[in-house]
PDB file of N, CA and C in Angstrom:
ATOM      1  N   MET A   1     -15.068   6.294  10.926  1.00  0.00           N
ATOM      2  CA  MET A   1     -14.933   6.535  10.021  1.00  0.00           C
ATOM      3  C   MET A   1     -14.205   5.361   9.767  1.00  0.00           C
ATOM      4  N   VAL A   2     -14.015   4.827   7.993  1.00  0.00           N
ATOM      5  CA  VAL A   2     -13.104   3.608   7.813  1.00  0.00           C
ATOM      6  C   VAL A   2     -11.798   3.946   7.438  1.00  0.00           C
ATOM      7  N   ALA A   3     -10.857   3.301   8.020  1.00  0.00           N
ATOM      8  CA  ALA A   3      -9.399   3.659   7.076  1.00  0.00           C
ATOM      9  C   ALA A   3      -9.075   2.484   5.862  1.00  0.00           C
ATOM     10  N   LYS A   4      -8.441   3.285   4.913  1.00  0.00           N
ATOM     11  CA  LYS A   4      -7.904   2.809   3.868  1.00  0.00           C
ATOM     12  C   LYS A   4      -6.472   3.021   3.195  1.00  0.00           C
ATOM     13  N   VAL A   5      -5.596   2.216   2.756  1.00  0.00           N
ATOM     14  CA  VAL A   5      -4.313   2.743   2.090  1.00  0.00           C
ATOM     15  C   VAL A   5      -4.679   2.877   0.682  1.00  0.00           C
ATOM     16  N   VAL A   6      -4.234   4.150   0.234  1.00  0.00           N
ATOM     17  CA  VAL A   6      -4.633   4.531  -0.811  1.00  0.00           C
ATOM     18  C   VAL A   6      -3.263   4.280  -1.962  1.00  0.00           C
ATOM     19  N   ASP A   7      -3.339   3.963  -3.188  1.00  0.00           N
ATOM     20  CA  ASP A   7      -2.196   3.877  -3.744  1.00  0.00           C
ATOM     21  C   ASP A   7      -2.188   4.869  -5.021  1.00  0.00           C
ATOM     22  N   ALA A   8      -1.133   5.038  -5.642  1.00  0.00           N
ATOM     23  CA  ALA A   8      -0.790   6.284  -6.526  1.00  0.00           C
ATOM     24  C   ALA A   8      -2.149   6.273  -7.682  1.00  0.00           C
ATOM     25  N   SER A   9      -1.976   4.772  -8.418  1.00  0.00           N
ATOM     26  CA  SER A   9      -3.106   4.620  -9.380  1.00  0.00           C
ATOM     27  C   SER A   9      -4.729   5.332  -9.318  1.00  0.00           C
ATOM     28  N   LEU A  10      -5.008   4.968  -7.606  1.00  0.00           N
ATOM     29  CA  LEU A  10      -6.337   5.630  -7.561  1.00  0.00           C
ATOM     30  C   LEU A  10      -6.483   6.932  -7.530  1.00  0.00           C
ATOM     31  N   LEU A  11      -5.480   7.723  -6.835  1.00  0.00           N
ATOM     32  CA  LEU A  11      -5.444   8.765  -6.082  1.00  0.00           C
ATOM     33  C   LEU A  11      -5.277   9.761  -6.940  1.00  0.00           C
ATOM     34  N   CYS A  12      -4.264   9.415  -8.354  1.00  0.00           N
ATOM     35  CA  CYS A  12      -3.975   9.911  -9.559  1.00  0.00           C
ATOM     36  C   CYS A  12      -5.445  10.134 -10.747  1.00  0.00           C
ATOM     37  N   ALA A  13      -6.187   9.391 -10.328  1.00  0.00           N
ATOM     38  CA  ALA A  13      -7.062   9.367 -11.279  1.00  0.00           C
ATOM     39  C   ALA A  13      -7.838  10.566 -11.087  1.00  0.00           C
ATOM     40  N   VAL A  14      -8.206  10.946  -9.475  1.00  0.00           N
ATOM     41  CA  VAL A  14      -8.884  11.872  -8.936  1.00  0.00           C
ATOM     42  C   VAL A  14      -7.987  13.269  -9.035  1.00  0.00           C
ATOM     43  N   LEU A  15      -6.829  13.357  -8.648  1.00  0.00           N
ATOM     44  CA  LEU A  15      -6.091  14.298  -8.744  1.00  0.00           C
ATOM     45  C   LEU A  15      -6.143  14.878 -10.158  1.00  0.00           C
ATOM     46  N   PHE A  16      -5.818  13.867 -11.150  1.00  0.00           N
ATOM     47  CA  PHE A  16      -5.571  14.399 -12.624  1.00  0.00           C
ATOM     48  C   PHE A  16      -6.790  13.961 -13.614  1.00  0.00           C
ATOM     49  N   GLY A  17      -7.828  14.023 -12.948  1.00  0.00           N
ATOM     50  CA  GLY A  17      -8.960  13.775 -13.652  1.00  0.00           C
ATOM     51  C   GLY A  17      -9.259  12.883 -14.475  1.00  0.00           C
ATOM     52  N   GLU A  18      -8.306  11.586 -14.156  1.00  0.00           N
ATOM     53  CA  GLU A  18      -8.706  10.764 -15.219  1.00  0.00           C
ATOM     54  C   GLU A  18     -10.005   9.665 -15.228  1.00  0.00           C
ATOM     55  N   PRO A  19     -10.161   8.671 -16.310  1.00  0.00           N
ATOM     56  CA  PRO A  19     -11.465   8.438 -16.444  1.00  0.00           C
ATOM     57  C   PRO A  19     -12.358   7.987 -15.108  1.00  0.00           C
ATOM     58  N   ARG A  20     -11.543   7.421 -14.589  1.00  0.00           N
ATOM     59  CA  ARG A  20     -12.020   6.796 -13.450  1.00  0.00           C
ATOM     60  C   ARG A  20     -12.247   7.618 -12.014  1.00  0.00           C
ATOM     61  N   GLU A  21     -12.046   8.874 -12.436  1.00  0.00           N
ATOM     62  CA  GLU A  21     -12.252   9.910 -11.574  1.00  0.00           C
ATOM     63  C   GLU A  21     -13.576   9.593 -10.289  1.00  0.00           C
ATOM     64  N   GLU A  22     -14.525   9.698 -10.891  1.00  0.00           N
ATOM     65  CA  GLU A  22     -15.686   9.745  -9.754  1.00  0.00           C
ATOM     66  C   GLU A  22     -15.681   8.467  -8.954  1.00  0.00           C
ATOM     67  N   GLU A  23     -15.260   7.400  -9.754  1.00  0.00           N
ATOM     68  CA  GLU A  23     -15.130   5.767  -9.168  1.00  0.00           C
ATOM     69  C   GLU A  23     -14.225   6.191  -8.121  1.00  0.00           C
ATOM     70  N   ALA A  24     -13.262   6.830  -8.127  1.00  0.00           N
ATOM     71  CA  ALA A  24     -11.705   7.032  -7.198  1.00  0.00           C
ATOM     72  C   ALA A  24     -12.498   7.522  -6.162  1.00  0.00           C
ATOM     73  N   ALA A  25     -13.025   8.668  -6.249  1.00  0.00           N
ATOM     74  CA  ALA A  25     -13.415   9.762  -5.383  1.00  0.00           C
ATOM     75  C   ALA A  25     -14.716   9.087  -4.567  1.00  0.00           C
ATOM     76  N   GLN A  26     -15.831   8.276  -5.233  1.00  0.00           N
ATOM     77  CA  GLN A  26     -16.540   7.186  -4.407  1.00  0.00           C
ATOM     78  C   GLN A  26     -15.714   6.311  -3.555  1.00  0.00           C
ATOM     79  N   ARG A  27     -14.874   5.823  -3.859  1.00  0.00           N
ATOM     80  CA  ARG A  27     -13.973   4.807  -3.053  1.00  0.00           C
ATOM     81  C   ARG A  27     -13.404   5.373  -1.830  1.00  0.00           C
ATOM     82  N   LEU A  28     -13.131   6.478  -2.075  1.00  0.00           N
ATOM     83  CA  LEU A  28     -11.893   7.338  -0.910  1.00  0.00           C
ATOM     84  C   LEU A  28     -13.184   8.006  -0.045  1.00  0.00           C
ATOM     85  N   GLU A  29     -13.960   8.266  -0.260  1.00  0.00           N
ATOM     86  CA  GLU A  29     -15.217   9.408   0.256  1.00  0.00           C
ATOM     87  C   GLU A  29     -15.323   9.093   1.643  1.00  0.00           C
ATOM     88  N   GLY A  30     -15.014   9.619   2.942  1.00  0.00           N
ATOM     89  CA  GLY A  30     -15.434   9.870   4.070  1.00  0.00           C
ATOM     90  C   GLY A  30     -13.940   8.716   4.991  1.00  0.00           C
ATOM     91  N   ALA A  31     -13.023   8.423   3.996  1.00  0.00           N
ATOM     92  CA  ALA A  31     -11.796   7.394   4.609  1.00  0.00           C
ATOM     93  C   ALA A  31     -10.729   8.047   5.505  1.00  0.00           C
ATOM     94  N   THR A  32     -10.315   7.626   6.209  1.00  0.00           N
ATOM     95  CA  THR A  32      -9.276   8.131   6.383  1.00  0.00           C
ATOM     96  C   THR A  32      -7.981   7.301   5.693  1.00  0.00           C
ATOM     97  N   LEU A  33      -6.828   7.864   5.249  1.00  0.00           N
ATOM     98  CA  LEU A  33      -6.073   7.406   4.468  1.00  0.00           C
ATOM     99  C   LEU A  33      -4.795   7.475   4.979  1.00  0.00           C
ATOM    100  N   TYR A  34      -3.839   5.916   4.553  1.00  0.00           N
ATOM    101  CA  TYR A  34      -2.746   5.784   4.949  1.00  0.00           C
ATOM    102  C   TYR A  34      -2.185   5.530   3.318  1.00  0.00           C
ATOM    103  N   ALA A  35      -0.679   5.947   3.287  1.00  0.00           N
ATOM    104  CA  ALA A  35      -0.036   5.493   2.161  1.00  0.00           C
ATOM    105  C   ALA A  35       1.476   5.805   2.383  1.00  0.00           C
ATOM    106  N   PRO A  36       2.384   4.398   2.073  1.00  0.00           N
ATOM    107  CA  PRO A  36       3.706   4.678   2.377  1.00  0.00           C
ATOM    108  C   PRO A  36       4.035   5.559   1.713  1.00  0.00           C
ATOM    109  N   SER A  37       5.430   5.979   2.756  1.00  0.00           N
ATOM    110  CA  SER A  37       6.420   7.317   2.170  1.00  0.00           C
ATOM    111  C   SER A  37       6.842   7.404   0.620  1.00  0.00           C
ATOM    112  N   LEU A  38       6.697   6.399   0.009  1.00  0.00           N
ATOM    113  CA  LEU A  38       7.089   6.688  -1.470  1.00  0.00           C
ATOM    114  C   LEU A  38       5.826   7.586  -2.089  1.00  0.00           C
ATOM    115  N   LEU A  39       4.561   7.393  -1.533  1.00  0.00           N
ATOM    116  CA  LEU A  39       3.363   8.078  -2.558  1.00  0.00           C
ATOM    117  C   LEU A  39       3.768   9.510  -2.886  1.00  0.00           C
ATOM    118  N   PRO A  40       4.427  10.239  -2.022  1.00  0.00           N
ATOM    119  CA  PRO A  40       4.459  11.750  -2.756  1.00  0.00           C
ATOM    120  C   PRO A  40       5.640  11.715  -4.261  1.00  0.00           C
ATOM    121  N   TYR A  41       6.559  10.834  -3.917  1.00  0.00           N
ATOM    122  CA  TYR A  41       7.396  10.538  -5.175  1.00  0.00           C
ATOM    123  C   TYR A  41       6.691   9.977  -6.525  1.00  0.00           C
ATOM    124  N   GLU A  42       5.925   9.240  -6.224  1.00  0.00           N
ATOM    125  CA  GLU A  42       4.850   8.727  -7.419  1.00  0.00           C
ATOM    126  C   GLU A  42       3.477   9.787  -7.860  1.00  0.00           C
ATOM    127  N   LEU A  43       3.353  10.426  -7.123  1.00  0.00           N
ATOM    128  CA  LEU A  43       2.557  11.182  -7.454  1.00  0.00           C
ATOM    129  C   LEU A  43       2.962  12.504  -8.352  1.00  0.00           C
ATOM    130  N   SER A  44       4.260  12.652  -7.959  1.00  0.00           N
ATOM    131  CA  SER A  44       5.286  13.722  -8.626  1.00  0.00           C
ATOM    132  C   SER A  44       6.009  13.228  -9.939  1.00  0.00           C
ATOM    133  N   SER A  45       6.045  11.662  -9.962  1.00  0.00           N
ATOM    134  CA  SER A  45       6.166  11.250 -11.335  1.00  0.00           C
ATOM    135  C   SER A  45       4.967  10.929 -12.117  1.00  0.00           C
ATOM    136  N   VAL A  46       4.046  11.060 -12.128  1.00  0.00           N
ATOM    137  CA  VAL A  46       2.960  10.982 -12.539  1.00  0.00           C
ATOM    138  C   VAL A  46       2.917  12.567 -12.943  1.00  0.00           C
ATOM    139  N   ALA A  47       2.991  13.367 -12.207  1.00  0.00           N
ATOM    140  CA  ALA A  47       2.576  14.823 -12.804  1.00  0.00           C
ATOM    141  C   ALA A  47       3.477  15.177 -13.899  1.00  0.00           C
ATOM    142  N   ARG A  48       4.954  14.581 -13.758  1.00  0.00           N
ATOM    143  CA  ARG A  48       5.864  15.118 -14.809  1.00  0.00           C
ATOM    144  C   ARG A  48       5.734  14.275 -15.880  1.00  0.00           C
ATOM    145  N   LYS A  49       5.155  13.160 -15.949  1.00  0.00           N
ATOM    146  CA  LYS A  49       4.456  12.233 -17.508  1.00  0.00           C
ATOM    147  C   LYS A  49       3.597  12.826 -18.219  1.00  0.00           C
ATOM    148  N   LYS A  50       2.664  13.557 -17.331  1.00  0.00           N
ATOM    149  CA  LYS A  50       1.631  14.315 -17.915  1.00  0.00           C
ATOM    150  C   LYS A  50       1.951  15.402 -18.604  1.00  0.00           C
ATOM    151  N   MET A  51       2.930  16.295 -17.816  1.00  0.00           N
ATOM    152  CA  MET A  51       3.370  17.971 -18.022  1.00  0.00           C
ATOM    153  C   MET A  51       4.004  17.302 -19.822  1.00  0.00           C
ATOM    154  N   GLN A  52       4.787  16.390 -19.843  1.00  0.00           N
ATOM    155  CA  GLN A  52       5.703  16.173 -20.952  1.00  0.00           C
ATOM    156  C   GLN A  52       4.904  15.803 -21.721  1.00  0.00           C
ATOM    157  N   LEU A  53       3.588  15.064 -21.357  1.00  0.00           N
ATOM    158  CA  LEU A  53       2.319  14.758 -22.688  1.00  0.00           C
ATOM    159  C   LEU A  53       1.606  16.025 -22.716  1.00  0.00           C
ATOM    160  N   TYR A  54       1.270  16.701 -21.735  1.00  0.00           N
ATOM    161  CA  TYR A  54       0.388  18.036 -22.236  1.00  0.00           C
ATOM    162  C   TYR A  54       1.371  19.298 -21.561  1.00  0.00           C
ATOM    163  N   PRO A  55       1.957  19.713 -22.581  1.00  0.00           N
ATOM    164  CA  PRO A  55       2.812  21.394 -21.731  1.00  0.00           C
ATOM    165  C   PRO A  55       1.782  22.035 -21.840  1.00  0.00           C
ATOM    166  N   HIS A  56       0.689  22.098 -22.211  1.00  0.00           N
ATOM    167  CA  HIS A  56      -0.214  23.294 -22.369  1.00  0.00           C
ATOM    168  C   HIS A  56      -1.002  23.218 -21.045  1.00  0.00           C
ATOM    169  N   LEU A  57      -1.022  21.998 -20.150  1.00  0.00           N
ATOM    170  CA  LEU A  57      -1.894  22.133 -19.166  1.00  0.00           C
ATOM    171  C   LEU A  57      -0.787  22.183 -17.554  1.00  0.00           C
ATOM    172  N   ARG A  58       0.424  22.251 -18.119  1.00  0.00           N
ATOM    173  CA  ARG A  58       1.486  22.306 -17.223  1.00  0.00           C
ATOM    174  C   ARG A  58       0.689  23.349 -15.681  1.00  0.00           C
ATOM    175  N   GLU A  59       0.650  23.955 -15.721  1.00  0.00           N
ATOM    176  CA  GLU A  59      -0.270  25.072 -14.660  1.00  0.00           C
ATOM    177  C   GLU A  59      -1.020  24.035 -13.921  1.00  0.00           C
ATOM    178  N   GLU A  60      -2.052  23.571 -14.465  1.00  0.00           N
ATOM    179  CA  GLU A  60      -2.819  22.659 -13.949  1.00  0.00           C
ATOM    180  C   GLU A  60      -2.649  21.204 -13.423  1.00  0.00           C
ATOM    181  N   LEU A  61      -1.732  20.667 -14.035  1.00  0.00           N
ATOM    182  CA  LEU A  61      -1.211  19.742 -13.335  1.00  0.00           C
ATOM    183  C   LEU A  61      -0.045  20.199 -12.046  1.00  0.00           C
ATOM    184  N   ALA A  62       0.597  21.321 -12.365  1.00  0.00           N
ATOM    185  CA  ALA A  62       1.223  21.366 -10.981  1.00  0.00           C
ATOM    186  C   ALA A  62       0.585  21.781  -9.642  1.00  0.00           C
ATOM    187  N   GLN A  63      -1.022  22.238 -10.302  1.00  0.00           N
ATOM    188  CA  GLN A  63      -1.612  22.844  -9.111  1.00  0.00           C
ATOM    189  C   GLN A  63      -2.189  21.368  -8.387  1.00  0.00           C
ATOM    190  N   ALA A  64      -2.692  20.512  -9.563  1.00  0.00           N
ATOM    191  CA  ALA A  64      -3.044  18.850  -8.809  1.00  0.00           C
ATOM    192  C   ALA A  64      -2.244  18.347  -8.535  1.00  0.00           C
ATOM    193  N   LEU A  65      -1.015  18.571  -8.662  1.00  0.00           N
ATOM    194  CA  LEU A  65       0.104  17.740  -7.670  1.00  0.00           C
ATOM    195  C   LEU A  65       0.010  18.429  -6.271  1.00  0.00           C
ATOM    196  N   GLU A  66       0.258  19.796  -6.301  1.00  0.00           N
ATOM    197  CA  GLU A  66       0.300  20.530  -5.081  1.00  0.00           C
ATOM    198  C   GLU A  66      -0.853  20.158  -3.910  1.00  0.00           C
ATOM    199  N   THR A  67      -2.316  19.912  -4.676  1.00  0.00           N
ATOM    200  CA  THR A  67      -3.281  19.484  -4.119  1.00  0.00           C
ATOM    201  C   THR A  67      -3.462  18.294  -3.249  1.00  0.00           C
ATOM    202  N   GLY A  68      -2.785  17.179  -4.188  1.00  0.00           N
ATOM    203  CA  GLY A  68      -2.701  16.008  -3.629  1.00  0.00           C
ATOM    204  C   GLY A  68      -1.423  15.716  -2.675  1.00  0.00           C
ATOM    205  N   LEU A  69      -0.105  16.703  -2.856  1.00  0.00           N
ATOM    206  CA  LEU A  69       0.574  16.873  -1.995  1.00  0.00           C
ATOM    207  C   LEU A  69       0.165  17.157  -0.396  1.00  0.00           C
ATOM    208  N   GLY A  70      -0.818  17.990  -0.053  1.00  0.00           N
ATOM    209  CA  GLY A  70      -1.666  18.696   0.971  1.00  0.00           C
ATOM    210  C   GLY A  70      -2.831  17.983   1.348  1.00  0.00           C
ATOM    211  N   LEU A  71      -3.265  16.770   0.524  1.00  0.00           N
ATOM    212  CA  LEU A  71      -4.536  16.132   1.542  1.00  0.00           C
ATOM    213  C   LEU A  71      -3.648  15.355   2.348  1.00  0.00           C
ATOM    214  N   ASP A  72      -4.742  15.272   3.542  1.00  0.00           N
ATOM    215  CA  ASP A  72      -4.532  14.835   4.536  1.00  0.00           C
ATOM    216  C   ASP A  72      -4.577  13.128   4.717  1.00  0.00           C
ATOM    217  N   ILE A  73      -3.487  12.842   4.356  1.00  0.00           N
ATOM    218  CA  ILE A  73      -2.958  11.389   3.997  1.00  0.00           C
ATOM    219  C   ILE A  73      -1.889  11.099   5.203  1.00  0.00           C
ATOM    220  N   GLU A  74      -2.180   9.950   6.159  1.00  0.00           N
ATOM    221  CA  GLU A  74      -0.703   9.567   6.737  1.00  0.00           C
ATOM    222  C   GLU A  74      -0.040   9.013   6.218  1.00  0.00           C
ATOM    223  N   ILE A  75       1.390   9.695   6.026  1.00  0.00           N
ATOM    224  CA  ILE A  75       2.267   8.789   5.349  1.00  0.00           C
ATOM    225  C   ILE A  75       3.300   8.142   6.368  1.00  0.00           C
ATOM    226  N   VAL A  76       3.496   6.584   5.996  1.00  0.00           N
ATOM    227  CA  VAL A  76       3.974   5.694   6.995  1.00  0.00           C
ATOM    228  C   VAL A  76       4.973   5.081   6.158  1.00  0.00           C
ATOM    229  N   GLU A  77       5.874   5.092   7.375  1.00  0.00           N
ATOM    230  CA  GLU A  77       7.298   4.370   6.921  1.00  0.00           C
ATOM    231  C   GLU A  77       6.583   2.847   6.630  1.00  0.00           C
ATOM    232  N   VAL A  78       7.388   1.715   5.633  1.00  0.00           N
ATOM    233  CA  VAL A  78       7.391   0.456   5.824  1.00  0.00           C
ATOM    234  C   VAL A  78       8.400  -0.123   5.891  1.00  0.00           C
ATOM    235  N   ASP A  79       8.537  -1.559   6.342  1.00  0.00           N
ATOM    236  CA  ASP A  79       9.368  -2.434   6.573  1.00  0.00           C
ATOM    237  C   ASP A  79      10.174  -2.645   5.361  1.00  0.00           C
ATOM    238  N   HIS A  80      10.909  -2.274   4.687  1.00  0.00           N
ATOM    239  CA  HIS A  80      11.481  -2.650   3.175  1.00  0.00           C
ATOM    240  C   HIS A  80      12.084  -4.277   2.988  1.00  0.00           C
ATOM    241  N   SER A  81      12.524  -4.731   4.079  1.00  0.00           N
ATOM    242  CA  SER A  81      12.926  -6.123   3.960  1.00  0.00           C
ATOM    243  C   SER A  81      11.448  -6.871   3.844  1.00  0.00           C
ATOM    244  N   GLU A  82      10.189  -6.524   4.605  1.00  0.00           N
ATOM    245  CA  GLU A  82       8.953  -7.314   4.081  1.00  0.00           C
ATOM    246  C   GLU A  82       8.659  -6.549   2.941  1.00  0.00           C
ATOM    247  N   ALA A  83       8.514  -5.413   2.569  1.00  0.00           N
ATOM    248  CA  ALA A  83       7.990  -5.331   1.292  1.00  0.00           C
ATOM    249  C   ALA A  83       8.433  -6.040   0.150  1.00  0.00           C
ATOM    250  N   LEU A  84      10.003  -6.256   0.351  1.00  0.00           N
ATOM    251  CA  LEU A  84      10.799  -7.109  -0.555  1.00  0.00           C
ATOM    252  C   LEU A  84      10.153  -8.708  -0.743  1.00  0.00           C
ATOM    253  N   SER A  85      10.228  -8.782   0.494  1.00  0.00           N
ATOM    254  CA  SER A  85       9.694 -10.372   0.353  1.00  0.00           C
ATOM    255  C   SER A  85       8.501 -10.555   0.113  1.00  0.00           C
ATOM    256  N   LEU A  86       7.354  -9.922   0.010  1.00  0.00           N
ATOM    257  CA  LEU A  86       5.813  -9.403  -0.492  1.00  0.00           C
ATOM    258  C   LEU A  86       6.318  -9.524  -1.815  1.00  0.00           C
ATOM    259  N   ALA A  87       6.834  -8.639  -2.463  1.00  0.00           N
ATOM    260  CA  ALA A  87       7.352  -8.016  -3.849  1.00  0.00           C
ATOM    261  C   ALA A  87       8.084  -9.904  -4.587  1.00  0.00           C
ATOM    262  N   LEU A  88       8.612 -10.266  -3.862  1.00  0.00           N
ATOM    263  CA  LEU A  88       9.139 -11.538  -4.421  1.00  0.00           C
ATOM    264  C   LEU A  88       8.144 -12.969  -4.831  1.00  0.00           C
ATOM    265  N   HIS A  89       7.425 -12.780  -3.727  1.00  0.00           N
ATOM    266  CA  HIS A  89       6.086 -13.823  -3.337  1.00  0.00           C
ATOM    267  C   HIS A  89       4.876 -13.443  -4.568  1.00  0.00           C
ATOM    268  N   THR A  90       4.635 -12.467  -4.881  1.00  0.00           N
ATOM    269  CA  THR A  90       3.780 -11.913  -5.218  1.00  0.00           C
ATOM    270  C   THR A  90       3.789 -11.600  -6.867  1.00  0.00           C
ATOM    271  N   GLY A  91       5.202 -11.213  -6.960  1.00  0.00           N
ATOM    272  CA  GLY A  91       5.702 -10.536  -8.455  1.00  0.00           C
ATOM    273  C   GLY A  91       5.324  -9.564  -8.596  1.00  0.00           C
ATOM    274  N   LEU A  92       5.233  -8.426  -7.810  1.00  0.00           N
ATOM    275  CA  LEU A  92       4.342  -7.365  -7.574  1.00  0.00           C
ATOM    276  C   LEU A  92       5.890  -6.513  -7.626  1.00  0.00           C
ATOM    277  N   THR A  93       5.779  -5.473  -8.097  1.00  0.00           N
ATOM    278  CA  THR A  93       7.017  -4.346  -7.787  1.00  0.00           C
ATOM    279  C   THR A  93       7.633  -4.183  -6.316  1.00  0.00           C
ATOM    280  N   THR A  94       8.418  -3.585  -5.728  1.00  0.00           N
ATOM    281  CA  THR A  94       8.868  -3.187  -4.590  1.00  0.00           C
ATOM    282  C   THR A  94       8.197  -2.044  -4.381  1.00  0.00           C
ATOM    283  N   TYR A  95       7.424  -1.537  -5.351  1.00  0.00           N
ATOM    284  CA  TYR A  95       6.772  -0.168  -4.754  1.00  0.00           C
ATOM    285  C   TYR A  95       5.301  -0.463  -4.632  1.00  0.00           C
ATOM    286  N   ASP A  96       4.971  -1.495  -5.566  1.00  0.00           N
ATOM    287  CA  ASP A  96       3.130  -1.880  -5.133  1.00  0.00           C
ATOM    288  C   ASP A  96       3.554  -2.552  -4.094  1.00  0.00           C
ATOM    289  N   ALA A  97       4.532  -3.185  -3.825  1.00  0.00           N
ATOM    290  CA  ALA A  97       4.740  -4.221  -2.673  1.00  0.00           C
ATOM    291  C   ALA A  97       4.415  -3.467  -1.469  1.00  0.00           C
ATOM    292  N   SER A  98       4.657  -2.361  -1.359  1.00  0.00           N
ATOM    293  CA  SER A  98       4.940  -1.367   0.202  1.00  0.00           C
ATOM    294  C   SER A  98       3.874  -1.349   0.066  1.00  0.00           C
ATOM    295  N   TYR A  99       2.571  -0.890  -0.732  1.00  0.00           N
ATOM    296  CA  TYR A  99       1.445  -0.624  -0.470  1.00  0.00           C
ATOM    297  C   TYR A  99       0.642  -1.480   0.232  1.00  0.00           C
ATOM    298  N   LEU A 100       0.773  -2.877  -0.325  1.00  0.00           N
ATOM    299  CA  LEU A 100       0.223  -4.462   0.181  1.00  0.00           C
ATOM    300  C   LEU A 100       0.548  -4.356   1.820  1.00  0.00           C
ATOM    301  N   TYR A 101       2.030  -4.061   2.160  1.00  0.00           N
ATOM    302  CA  TYR A 101       2.471  -4.662   3.021  1.00  0.00           C
ATOM    303  C   TYR A 101       1.832  -3.600   4.148  1.00  0.00           C
ATOM    304  N   LEU A 102       1.824  -2.265   3.799  1.00  0.00           N
ATOM    305  CA  LEU A 102       1.263  -1.305   4.940  1.00  0.00           C
ATOM    306  C   LEU A 102      -0.030  -1.700   4.795  1.00  0.00           C
ATOM    307  N   SER A 103      -1.193  -2.205   3.939  1.00  0.00           N
ATOM    308  CA  SER A 103      -2.630  -2.275   4.201  1.00  0.00           C
ATOM    309  C   SER A 103      -2.668  -3.818   5.254  1.00  0.00           C
ATOM    310  N   ARG A 104      -1.588  -4.512   5.021  1.00  0.00           N
ATOM    311  CA  ARG A 104      -1.385  -5.763   5.981  1.00  0.00           C
ATOM    312  C   ARG A 104      -1.044  -5.828   7.080  1.00  0.00           C
ATOM    313  N   ALA A 105       0.168  -4.726   6.958  1.00  0.00           N
ATOM    314  CA  ALA A 105       0.300  -4.599   8.796  1.00  0.00           C
ATOM    315  C   ALA A 105      -0.346  -3.692   9.495  1.00  0.00           C
ATOM    316  N   GLN A 106      -1.669  -2.856   8.683  1.00  0.00           N
ATOM    317  CA  GLN A 106      -2.362  -1.874   9.552  1.00  0.00           C
ATOM    318  C   GLN A 106      -3.180  -2.732   9.334  1.00  0.00           C
ATOM    319  N   ARG A 107      -4.058  -4.036   8.831  1.00  0.00           N
ATOM    320  CA  ARG A 107      -5.202  -4.504   8.458  1.00  0.00           C
ATOM    321  C   ARG A 107      -5.845  -3.591   8.050  1.00  0.00           C
ATOM    322  N   ILE A 108      -6.109  -3.172   7.091  1.00  0.00           N
ATOM    323  CA  ILE A 108      -6.922  -1.911   6.341  1.00  0.00           C
ATOM    324  C   ILE A 108      -7.026  -1.963   4.899  1.00  0.00           C
ATOM    325  N   PRO A 109      -8.000  -2.216   4.452  1.00  0.00           N
ATOM    326  CA  PRO A 109      -8.188  -2.380   2.459  1.00  0.00           C
ATOM    327  C   PRO A 109      -7.373  -1.316   1.966  1.00  0.00           C
ATOM    328  N   LEU A 110      -6.830  -1.825   0.823  1.00  0.00           N
ATOM    329  CA  LEU A 110      -6.096  -1.167   0.125  1.00  0.00           C
ATOM    330  C   LEU A 110      -7.034  -1.023  -1.274  1.00  0.00           C
ATOM    331  N   GLU A 111      -6.954   0.405  -1.543  1.00  0.00           N
ATOM    332  CA  GLU A 111      -7.787   0.710  -2.696  1.00  0.00           C
ATOM    333  C   GLU A 111      -6.919   1.199  -3.665  1.00  0.00           C
ATOM    334  N   THR A 112      -7.049   0.671  -4.963  1.00  0.00           N
ATOM    335  CA  THR A 112      -6.098   0.704  -5.596  1.00  0.00           C
ATOM    336  C   THR A 112      -6.991   0.422  -7.347  1.00  0.00           C
ATOM    337  N   PHE A 113      -6.509   1.024  -8.544  1.00  0.00           N
ATOM    338  CA  PHE A 113      -6.817   0.671  -9.907  1.00  0.00           C
ATOM    339  C   PHE A 113      -6.176  -0.101 -10.745  1.00  0.00           C
ATOM    340  N   ASP A 114      -4.774  -0.844  -9.853  1.00  0.00           N
ATOM    341  CA  ASP A 114      -3.472  -1.396 -10.102  1.00  0.00           C
ATOM    342  C   ASP A 114      -4.461  -3.071 -10.042  1.00  0.00           C
ATOM    343  N   GLU A 115      -4.664  -3.672 -11.290  1.00  0.00           N
ATOM    344  CA  GLU A 115      -5.183  -5.256 -11.165  1.00  0.00           C
ATOM    345  C   GLU A 115      -4.236  -6.038 -10.332  1.00  0.00           C
ATOM    346  N   GLN A 116      -3.020  -6.255 -10.938  1.00  0.00           N
ATOM    347  CA  GLN A 116      -2.253  -6.870 -10.144  1.00  0.00           C
ATOM    348  C   GLN A 116      -2.121  -6.872  -8.480  1.00  0.00           C
ATOM    349  N   LEU A 117      -1.823  -5.591  -8.363  1.00  0.00           N
ATOM    350  CA  LEU A 117      -1.772  -5.557  -6.819  1.00  0.00           C
ATOM    351  C   LEU A 117      -3.057  -5.653  -5.974  1.00  0.00           C
ATOM    352  N   ASP A 118      -4.316  -5.411  -6.838  1.00  0.00           N
ATOM    353  CA  ASP A 118      -5.409  -5.516  -6.023  1.00  0.00           C
ATOM    354  C   ASP A 118      -6.146  -6.881  -6.004  1.00  0.00           C
ATOM    355  N   ARG A 119      -5.420  -7.997  -7.106  1.00  0.00           N
ATOM    356  CA  ARG A 119      -5.596  -9.516  -6.840  1.00  0.00           C
ATOM    357  C   ARG A 119      -4.473  -9.867  -5.893  1.00  0.00           C
ATOM    358  N   ALA A 120      -3.594  -9.406  -5.706  1.00  0.00           N
ATOM    359  CA  ALA A 120      -2.269  -9.729  -4.409  1.00  0.00           C
ATOM    360  C   ALA A 120      -3.085  -9.526  -3.364  1.00  0.00           C
ATOM    361  N   ALA A 121      -4.175  -8.242  -3.068  1.00  0.00           N
ATOM    362  CA  ALA A 121      -4.558  -7.911  -1.717  1.00  0.00           C
ATOM    363  C   ALA A 121      -6.019  -8.668  -1.344  1.00  0.00           C
ATOM    364  N   GLN A 122      -6.394  -9.440  -2.214  1.00  0.00           N
ATOM    365  CA  GLN A 122      -7.379 -10.284  -1.661  1.00  0.00           C
ATOM    366  C   GLN A 122      -6.920 -11.527  -1.098  1.00  0.00           C
ATOM    367  N   PRO A 123      -8.113 -11.596   0.273  1.00  0.00           N
ATOM    368  CA  PRO A 123      -7.657 -12.638   1.053  1.00  0.00           C
ATOM    369  C   PRO A 123      -7.699 -14.281   0.331  1.00  0.00           C
TER     370      PRO A 123
END
């Protein structure tokens, strides 16, 4: 089974039925998934924003969040000093640099829809 680091942009596409949902699901299919410890906070933040925009979908969005929080994703602590260094070097936010750090530290590919993060992850 292939290992991958998954970021919130890609995972939210699947959880919240966003336009690239099928592509995201295909990219994650059959993979052992890893993410930094900030992933649950990011998922919750996206759910909150969507609930504000679509209050009539509150229950469905809450269920999607619960599904996401229950996925079999290995949550890993990152070296925050190293993530900060990557952020400064690449121009990424420290949040995004945490995904990049984890990908590099574990030597596994990063799956993201964030273009800047994807560019930084390329060898």
